[in-house]
Amino acid sequence: MPRLITYGCSFTDYKWSTWADILAENCELDLYNRGLGGCGNNFIFARLKQDMALGKIQKNDIIRIMWCYYNRVSVF
């Protein structure tokens, strides 16, 4: 069964339900939420690339990304 893997900032992963939780519930998919509050687009992209390189994403997984404001960046 495919998983829903989501990436984004606090709009993706927060203390209460976000669009990722609602989407997973409505589509009846297991959610693997990779969002992180306060992060910028460069962090979101880096996390996606890292997950791909480490083989954390499987063939049938469904990936959804919620990008932040275009000039929001993370320093890491």
N, C-alpha and C. Protein backbone atom coordinates (compact mmCIF):
# COMPACT_ATOMS: atom_id res chain seq x y z
N MET A 1 0.84 -1.19 0.00
CA MET A 1 0.00 0.00 0.00
C MET A 1 0.89 1.25 0.00
N PRO A 2 0.58 2.22 -0.84
CA PRO A 2 1.41 3.43 -0.87
C PRO A 2 1.24 4.27 0.39
N ARG A 3 2.28 5.01 0.69
CA ARG A 3 2.24 5.96 1.81
C ARG A 3 2.17 7.36 1.23
N LEU A 4 1.64 8.27 2.02
CA LEU A 4 1.67 9.68 1.67
C LEU A 4 2.83 10.29 2.43
N ILE A 5 3.81 10.83 1.70
CA ILE A 5 4.96 11.48 2.31
C ILE A 5 4.86 12.96 2.00
N THR A 6 4.85 13.78 3.04
CA THR A 6 4.68 15.21 2.85
C THR A 6 5.89 15.97 3.36
N TYR A 7 6.18 17.08 2.69
CA TYR A 7 7.30 17.96 3.04
C TYR A 7 6.77 19.38 3.12
N GLY A 8 7.32 20.17 4.02
CA GLY A 8 6.91 21.56 4.14
C GLY A 8 7.32 22.15 5.47
N CYS A 9 6.74 23.30 5.79
CA CYS A 9 7.03 24.01 7.04
C CYS A 9 5.93 23.70 8.06
N SER A 10 5.65 24.64 8.94
CA SER A 10 4.65 24.41 9.98
C SER A 10 3.24 24.26 9.43
N PHE A 11 2.98 24.70 8.21
CA PHE A 11 1.68 24.45 7.60
C PHE A 11 1.51 22.96 7.29
N THR A 12 2.60 22.22 7.27
CA THR A 12 2.58 20.79 6.98
C THR A 12 2.60 19.96 8.26
N ASP A 13 3.37 20.38 9.25
CA ASP A 13 3.51 19.64 10.50
C ASP A 13 3.40 20.61 11.67
N TYR A 14 2.31 20.48 12.43
CA TYR A 14 2.10 21.38 13.55
C TYR A 14 1.44 20.63 14.70
N LYS A 15 1.11 21.33 15.78
CA LYS A 15 0.52 20.72 16.97
C LYS A 15 -0.87 20.15 16.70
N TRP A 16 -1.59 20.73 15.76
CA TRP A 16 -2.92 20.23 15.42
C TRP A 16 -2.92 19.79 13.96
N SER A 17 -4.03 19.27 13.51
CA SER A 17 -4.12 18.73 12.15
C SER A 17 -3.82 19.79 11.09
N THR A 18 -3.09 19.36 10.09
CA THR A 18 -2.76 20.23 8.96
C THR A 18 -3.32 19.60 7.68
N TRP A 19 -3.06 20.25 6.55
CA TRP A 19 -3.52 19.73 5.27
C TRP A 19 -3.00 18.31 5.05
N ALA A 20 -1.80 18.01 5.55
CA ALA A 20 -1.22 16.68 5.36
C ALA A 20 -2.04 15.61 6.09
N ASP A 21 -2.42 15.90 7.31
CA ASP A 21 -3.23 14.96 8.09
C ASP A 21 -4.60 14.74 7.44
N ILE A 22 -5.21 15.83 7.00
CA ILE A 22 -6.53 15.76 6.38
C ILE A 22 -6.48 14.97 5.07
N LEU A 23 -5.44 15.25 4.25
CA LEU A 23 -5.29 14.54 2.98
C LEU A 23 -5.09 13.05 3.20
N ALA A 24 -4.24 12.68 4.14
CA ALA A 24 -3.99 11.27 4.42
C ALA A 24 -5.25 10.57 4.90
N GLU A 25 -6.01 11.25 5.76
CA GLU A 25 -7.25 10.66 6.26
C GLU A 25 -8.28 10.49 5.15
N ASN A 26 -8.45 11.52 4.33
CA ASN A 26 -9.44 11.45 3.25
C ASN A 26 -9.08 10.43 2.18
N CYS A 27 -7.78 10.24 1.95
CA CYS A 27 -7.33 9.28 0.93
C CYS A 27 -7.06 7.90 1.52
N GLU A 28 -7.23 7.78 2.84
CA GLU A 28 -7.00 6.53 3.56
C GLU A 28 -5.59 5.99 3.31
N LEU A 29 -4.61 6.87 3.51
CA LEU A 29 -3.21 6.52 3.34
C LEU A 29 -2.47 6.71 4.65
N ASP A 30 -1.42 5.90 4.85
CA ASP A 30 -0.54 6.11 5.99
C ASP A 30 0.29 7.36 5.71
N LEU A 31 0.42 8.22 6.72
CA LEU A 31 1.14 9.48 6.55
C LEU A 31 2.54 9.38 7.13
N TYR A 32 3.52 9.78 6.34
CA TYR A 32 4.90 9.93 6.78
C TYR A 32 5.22 11.41 6.61
N ASN A 33 5.04 12.19 7.67
CA ASN A 33 5.13 13.63 7.60
C ASN A 33 6.56 14.08 7.86
N ARG A 34 7.18 14.70 6.84
CA ARG A 34 8.56 15.17 6.94
C ARG A 34 8.63 16.69 7.05
N GLY A 35 7.51 17.33 7.38
CA GLY A 35 7.49 18.78 7.56
C GLY A 35 8.21 19.19 8.83
N LEU A 36 8.65 20.45 8.86
CA LEU A 36 9.32 20.98 10.03
C LEU A 36 9.01 22.46 10.15
N GLY A 37 8.45 22.86 11.27
CA GLY A 37 8.10 24.26 11.49
C GLY A 37 9.31 25.18 11.43
N GLY A 38 9.13 26.32 10.77
CA GLY A 38 10.17 27.33 10.70
C GLY A 38 11.20 27.12 9.62
N CYS A 39 11.08 26.07 8.83
CA CYS A 39 12.10 25.82 7.81
C CYS A 39 11.77 26.56 6.51
N GLY A 40 12.79 26.74 5.70
CA GLY A 40 12.63 27.39 4.40
C GLY A 40 12.66 26.38 3.27
N ASN A 41 12.50 26.90 2.05
CA ASN A 41 12.45 26.03 0.88
C ASN A 41 13.73 25.24 0.64
N ASN A 42 14.88 25.83 0.95
CA ASN A 42 16.13 25.09 0.75
C ASN A 42 16.21 23.90 1.70
N PHE A 43 15.69 24.02 2.91
CA PHE A 43 15.67 22.89 3.84
C PHE A 43 14.70 21.81 3.36
N ILE A 44 13.53 22.24 2.90
CA ILE A 44 12.53 21.29 2.40
C ILE A 44 13.13 20.46 1.26
N PHE A 45 13.79 21.15 0.32
CA PHE A 45 14.39 20.45 -0.82
C PHE A 45 15.54 19.55 -0.37
N ALA A 46 16.36 20.02 0.57
CA ALA A 46 17.47 19.21 1.08
C ALA A 46 16.97 17.94 1.76
N ARG A 47 15.88 18.07 2.51
CA ARG A 47 15.32 16.90 3.20
C ARG A 47 14.77 15.89 2.19
N LEU A 48 14.11 16.37 1.16
CA LEU A 48 13.61 15.49 0.11
C LEU A 48 14.76 14.77 -0.57
N LYS A 49 15.82 15.50 -0.94
CA LYS A 49 16.98 14.88 -1.58
C LYS A 49 17.63 13.84 -0.68
N GLN A 50 17.74 14.15 0.61
CA GLN A 50 18.33 13.22 1.57
C GLN A 50 17.50 11.94 1.67
N ASP A 51 16.19 12.09 1.76
CA ASP A 51 15.31 10.91 1.84
C ASP A 51 15.42 10.05 0.60
N MET A 52 15.55 10.69 -0.56
CA MET A 52 15.71 9.93 -1.80
C MET A 52 17.05 9.19 -1.80
N ALA A 53 18.12 9.85 -1.39
CA ALA A 53 19.45 9.25 -1.36
C ALA A 53 19.53 8.08 -0.38
N LEU A 54 18.81 8.19 0.73
CA LEU A 54 18.84 7.14 1.76
C LEU A 54 17.83 6.02 1.50
N GLY A 55 17.08 6.12 0.42
CA GLY A 55 16.12 5.08 0.07
C GLY A 55 14.87 5.06 0.93
N LYS A 56 14.54 6.19 1.54
CA LYS A 56 13.35 6.25 2.39
C LYS A 56 12.05 6.37 1.59
N ILE A 57 12.19 6.68 0.31
CA ILE A 57 11.02 6.80 -0.55
C ILE A 57 10.93 5.55 -1.42
N GLN A 58 9.76 4.91 -1.36
CA GLN A 58 9.55 3.67 -2.11
C GLN A 58 8.81 3.96 -3.40
N LYS A 59 8.81 2.98 -4.28
CA LYS A 59 8.27 3.12 -5.63
C LYS A 59 6.82 3.63 -5.66
N ASN A 60 5.97 3.14 -4.81
CA ASN A 60 4.54 3.47 -4.85
C ASN A 60 4.14 4.62 -3.93
N ASP A 61 5.10 5.24 -3.25
CA ASP A 61 4.78 6.34 -2.34
C ASP A 61 4.27 7.56 -3.12
N ILE A 62 3.42 8.32 -2.46
CA ILE A 62 2.88 9.55 -3.03
C ILE A 62 3.54 10.71 -2.28
N ILE A 63 4.19 11.60 -3.03
CA ILE A 63 4.93 12.72 -2.45
C ILE A 63 4.16 14.01 -2.69
N ARG A 64 4.00 14.82 -1.64
CA ARG A 64 3.38 16.13 -1.77
C ARG A 64 4.24 17.14 -1.01
N ILE A 65 4.50 18.27 -1.64
CA ILE A 65 5.35 19.30 -1.06
C ILE A 65 4.58 20.60 -0.98
N MET A 66 4.62 21.25 0.18
CA MET A 66 4.06 22.58 0.31
C MET A 66 5.23 23.53 0.52
N TRP A 67 5.57 24.25 -0.54
CA TRP A 67 6.67 25.20 -0.48
C TRP A 67 6.28 26.41 0.37
N CYS A 68 7.27 27.03 0.98
CA CYS A 68 7.08 28.24 1.77
C CYS A 68 7.11 29.46 0.86
N TYR A 69 7.02 30.62 1.47
CA TYR A 69 7.18 31.87 0.74
C TYR A 69 8.51 31.84 0.01
N TYR A 70 8.57 32.37 -1.19
CA TYR A 70 9.72 32.19 -2.07
C TYR A 70 11.05 32.66 -1.49
N ASN A 71 11.05 33.66 -0.63
CA ASN A 71 12.32 34.14 -0.11
C ASN A 71 12.63 33.66 1.31
N ARG A 72 11.88 32.70 1.80
CA ARG A 72 12.15 32.16 3.13
C ARG A 72 13.25 31.10 3.00
N VAL A 73 14.32 31.28 3.73
CA VAL A 73 15.43 30.34 3.65
C VAL A 73 15.82 29.86 5.04
N SER A 74 16.44 28.72 5.07
CA SER A 74 16.97 28.16 6.32
C SER A 74 18.49 28.24 6.27
N VAL A 75 19.11 28.49 7.40
CA VAL A 75 20.55 28.48 7.50
C VAL A 75 20.91 27.23 8.29
N PHE A 76 21.63 26.33 7.63
CA PHE A 76 22.03 25.10 8.31
C PHE A 76 23.39 24.67 7.85
